[in-house]
Amino acid sequence: MDDDAREQALITALTTEHFVLQTSRSATITESVGRATVFLSLLSASLIGLGFVSSSGHLTKPYLGAVLPTLVITGLLTFGRLVQNMVENSLDLKRIQHIRAYYHRRLAGEHTFFADAVTGGGDVQAISAAVASKPVRWQLLLTTAAMVGAVNALLIGLCAALLTGVLGGSAGLAIGLGVPVALVAFAAQVAYIKRASLWLTG
């Protein structure tokens, strides 16, 4: 195979790969939205149910005892999958940027087509340029995973506060325990997101 034929075959392969990666990104986004919607719908339904049983004091504690652990477990599982989707989506975008960088170097000539893929700042910079953002640490807090993580932290803190109250602790003690537990739970989930995102620099 001569050089021209090899170049044409490579362009065809890269175009196909670009399409496959973009399709994969769309799938991860769709799944993330679906999972977050299911979790938040479950949370909303649970709060509505709490409104119905709150008029009967003897039903409130059993209801919360059944619903809160379910919400926490579902939330943590949702969070874990959302983090996986975030990493998969970013890796797909990283590979797309590599392909676009090749297009720029070999085909763009004096034009600025695909120029954001060759920013010179590494993969993280190229990924950020593709979505018009800056690669700053707090961007992780804007992800769907972080949003669900925040809800999880509130639920975990609420569980700690209610358990303290059930065991005879005062309201002040319950709040004083629930707040730091919620903060620690959120910090742990943010740290998990940050550790998972290290794959992007590999």
Protein backbone atom coordinates (compact mmCIF):
# COMPACT_ATOMS: atom_id res chain seq x y z
CA MET A 1 0.00 0.00 0.00
CA ASP A 2 1.48 3.35 -1.02
CA ASP A 3 1.56 6.42 1.22
CA ASP A 4 -1.51 8.07 -0.33
CA ALA A 5 -3.61 4.93 0.05
CA ARG A 6 -2.43 4.48 3.63
CA GLU A 7 -3.29 8.11 4.42
CA GLN A 8 -6.75 7.73 2.92
CA ALA A 9 -7.37 4.50 4.83
CA LEU A 10 -6.27 6.16 8.07
CA ILE A 11 -8.57 9.13 7.50
CA THR A 12 -11.47 6.75 6.89
CA ALA A 13 -10.68 4.79 10.04
CA LEU A 14 -10.34 7.95 12.11
CA THR A 15 -13.64 9.32 10.79
CA THR A 16 -15.37 6.08 11.77
CA GLU A 17 -13.72 6.11 15.20
CA HIS A 18 -14.74 9.72 15.69
CA PHE A 19 -18.37 8.80 15.00
CA VAL A 20 -18.22 5.81 17.36
CA LEU A 21 -16.73 7.91 20.17
CA GLN A 22 -19.33 10.64 19.73
CA THR A 23 -22.07 8.00 19.87
CA SER A 24 -20.53 6.61 23.05
CA ARG A 25 -20.50 10.09 24.59
CA SER A 26 -24.18 10.55 23.77
CA ALA A 27 -24.97 7.20 25.38
CA THR A 28 -23.15 8.05 28.62
CA ILE A 29 -24.90 11.42 28.84
CA THR A 30 -28.29 9.83 28.25
CA GLU A 31 -27.62 7.17 30.88
CA SER A 32 -26.43 9.75 33.41
CA VAL A 33 -29.54 11.87 32.95
CA GLY A 34 -31.74 8.77 33.24
CA ARG A 35 -30.10 7.48 36.40
CA ALA A 36 -30.13 10.89 38.10
CA THR A 37 -33.78 11.34 37.15
CA VAL A 38 -34.74 7.94 38.59
CA PHE A 39 -32.93 8.68 41.86
CA LEU A 40 -34.40 12.16 42.27
CA SER A 41 -37.87 10.85 41.38
CA LEU A 42 -37.50 8.19 44.09
CA LEU A 43 -36.44 10.89 46.55
CA SER A 44 -39.42 13.05 45.60
CA ALA A 45 -41.83 10.13 45.95
CA SER A 46 -40.36 9.33 49.36
CA LEU A 47 -40.93 12.89 50.56
CA ILE A 48 -44.52 12.76 49.32
CA GLY A 49 -44.98 9.49 51.18
CA LEU A 50 -43.55 11.07 54.32
CA GLY A 51 -46.20 13.77 54.04
CA PHE A 52 -48.91 11.11 54.05
CA VAL A 53 -47.61 9.20 57.08
CA SER A 54 -46.57 12.24 59.12
CA SER A 55 -50.13 12.62 60.41
CA SER A 56 -49.75 9.25 62.13
CA GLY A 57 -46.90 9.53 64.60
CA HIS A 58 -46.53 5.79 65.09
CA LEU A 59 -45.89 5.27 61.35
CA THR A 60 -43.25 7.94 60.87
CA LYS A 61 -40.30 6.12 62.43
CA PRO A 62 -40.91 2.78 60.65
CA TYR A 63 -41.37 4.67 57.38
CA LEU A 64 -38.13 6.58 57.77
CA GLY A 65 -36.36 3.42 58.92
CA ALA A 66 -37.34 1.70 55.69
CA VAL A 67 -37.05 4.60 53.25
CA LEU A 68 -33.84 6.35 54.33
CA PRO A 69 -31.54 3.31 54.01
CA THR A 70 -33.11 2.58 50.63
CA LEU A 71 -32.47 6.14 49.48
CA VAL A 72 -28.89 6.11 50.75
CA ILE A 73 -28.06 2.79 49.07
CA THR A 74 -29.74 3.83 45.82
CA GLY A 75 -28.01 7.19 45.94
CA LEU A 76 -24.57 5.70 46.47
CA LEU A 77 -25.06 3.22 43.63
CA THR A 78 -26.29 6.01 41.38
CA PHE A 79 -23.32 8.16 42.37
CA GLY A 80 -20.86 5.37 41.58
CA ARG A 81 -22.28 4.82 38.12
CA LEU A 82 -22.42 8.55 37.40
CA VAL A 83 -18.71 8.81 38.21
CA GLN A 84 -18.02 5.92 35.82
CA ASN A 85 -20.05 7.66 33.13
CA MET A 86 -18.20 10.93 33.75
CA VAL A 87 -14.83 9.24 33.31
CA GLU A 88 -15.97 7.30 30.24
CA ASN A 89 -17.38 10.46 28.67
CA SER A 90 -14.18 12.40 29.33
CA LEU A 91 -12.00 9.60 27.95
CA ASP A 92 -14.12 9.53 24.80
CA LEU A 93 -13.69 13.28 24.46
CA LYS A 94 -9.95 12.92 25.04
CA ARG A 95 -9.72 10.43 22.18
CA ILE A 96 -11.88 12.63 19.97
CA GLN A 97 -9.53 15.52 20.61
CA HIS A 98 -6.57 13.35 19.57
CA ILE A 99 -8.32 12.64 16.27
CA ARG A 100 -9.21 16.29 15.79
CA ALA A 101 -5.59 17.25 16.49
CA TYR A 102 -4.55 14.92 13.66
CA TYR A 103 -7.12 16.54 11.37
CA HIS A 104 -5.72 19.95 12.25
CA ARG A 105 -2.09 19.02 11.65
CA ARG A 106 -2.62 17.13 8.41
CA LEU A 107 -5.64 18.76 6.79
CA ALA A 108 -6.38 22.24 8.16
CA GLY A 109 -3.37 23.98 6.64
CA GLU A 110 -3.52 27.69 7.38
CA HIS A 111 -7.11 27.44 8.66
CA THR A 112 -8.07 27.31 12.34
CA PHE A 113 -10.30 24.25 12.04
CA PHE A 114 -9.92 21.90 15.06
CA ALA A 115 -7.44 24.35 16.62
CA ASP A 116 -8.86 23.78 20.12
CA ALA A 117 -7.48 20.22 19.95
CA VAL A 118 -3.89 21.44 19.76
CA THR A 119 -3.82 23.91 22.65
CA GLY A 120 -0.45 22.59 23.82
CA GLY A 121 -1.53 22.23 27.43
CA GLY A 122 -1.99 18.46 27.46
CA ASP A 123 -5.09 16.28 27.39
CA VAL A 124 -6.89 18.00 30.27
CA GLN A 125 -6.47 21.38 28.59
CA ALA A 126 -7.68 20.00 25.27
CA ILE A 127 -10.75 18.41 26.89
CA SER A 128 -11.60 21.67 28.64
CA ALA A 129 -11.15 23.64 25.43
CA ALA A 130 -13.61 21.36 23.64
CA VAL A 131 -16.37 22.29 26.11
CA ALA A 132 -15.31 25.94 26.52
CA SER A 133 -14.28 25.69 30.16
CA LYS A 134 -11.12 26.01 32.21
CA PRO A 135 -9.43 22.99 33.85
CA VAL A 136 -9.94 24.13 37.45
CA ARG A 137 -10.53 21.80 40.39
CA TRP A 138 -13.92 23.13 41.38
CA GLN A 139 -15.33 22.14 37.96
CA LEU A 140 -15.82 18.68 39.48
CA LEU A 141 -18.51 20.20 41.71
CA LEU A 142 -20.58 21.04 38.61
CA THR A 143 -20.98 17.42 37.53
CA THR A 144 -24.14 15.36 37.89
CA ALA A 145 -22.19 12.98 40.13
CA ALA A 146 -21.37 15.81 42.54
CA MET A 147 -25.03 16.87 42.61
CA VAL A 148 -26.15 13.37 43.54
CA GLY A 149 -23.25 13.20 46.01
CA ALA A 150 -24.55 16.32 47.74
CA VAL A 151 -28.01 14.76 48.08
CA ASN A 152 -26.42 11.57 49.39
CA ALA A 153 -24.48 13.55 51.98
CA LEU A 154 -27.66 15.23 53.21
CA LEU A 155 -29.40 11.87 53.49
CA ILE A 156 -26.48 10.32 55.36
CA GLY A 157 -26.35 13.29 57.74
CA LEU A 158 -30.11 13.01 58.25
CA CYS A 159 -29.74 9.31 59.07
CA ALA A 160 -27.09 10.11 61.67
CA ALA A 161 -29.24 12.85 63.22
CA LEU A 162 -32.38 10.69 63.35
CA LEU A 163 -30.48 7.74 64.77
CA THR A 164 -29.08 9.98 67.50
CA GLY A 165 -32.61 11.14 68.32
CA VAL A 166 -33.96 7.59 68.40
CA LEU A 167 -31.19 6.60 70.83
CA GLY A 168 -32.27 9.36 73.20
CA GLY A 169 -29.94 12.17 72.21
CA SER A 170 -31.07 15.78 72.35
CA ALA A 171 -32.00 17.78 69.26
CA GLY A 172 -28.82 19.84 69.62
CA LEU A 173 -26.68 16.70 69.76
CA ALA A 174 -28.49 15.21 66.76
CA ILE A 175 -27.90 18.34 64.67
CA GLY A 176 -24.34 18.68 65.95
CA LEU A 177 -23.62 15.13 64.81
CA GLY A 178 -25.62 15.16 61.58
CA VAL A 179 -23.98 18.26 60.08
CA PRO A 180 -20.35 17.06 60.31
CA VAL A 181 -21.36 13.59 59.14
CA ALA A 182 -22.99 15.16 56.06
CA LEU A 183 -19.90 17.29 55.39
CA VAL A 184 -17.57 14.31 55.72
CA ALA A 185 -19.80 12.23 53.44
CA PHE A 186 -19.78 14.95 50.78
CA ALA A 187 -16.02 15.45 51.06
CA ALA A 188 -15.48 11.69 50.67
CA GLN A 189 -17.57 11.60 47.51
CA VAL A 190 -15.80 14.63 46.02
CA ALA A 191 -12.47 12.94 46.79
CA TYR A 192 -13.73 9.82 45.00
CA ILE A 193 -14.65 11.90 41.93
CA LYS A 194 -11.25 13.56 41.98
CA ARG A 195 -9.43 10.23 42.24
CA ALA A 196 -11.50 8.76 39.42
CA SER A 197 -10.73 11.75 37.21
CA LEU A 198 -7.00 11.04 37.49
CA TRP A 199 -7.53 8.48 34.70
CA LEU A 200 -7.84 11.43 32.32
CA THR A 201 -4.21 12.37 32.74
CA GLY A 202 -2.97 8.82 32.27
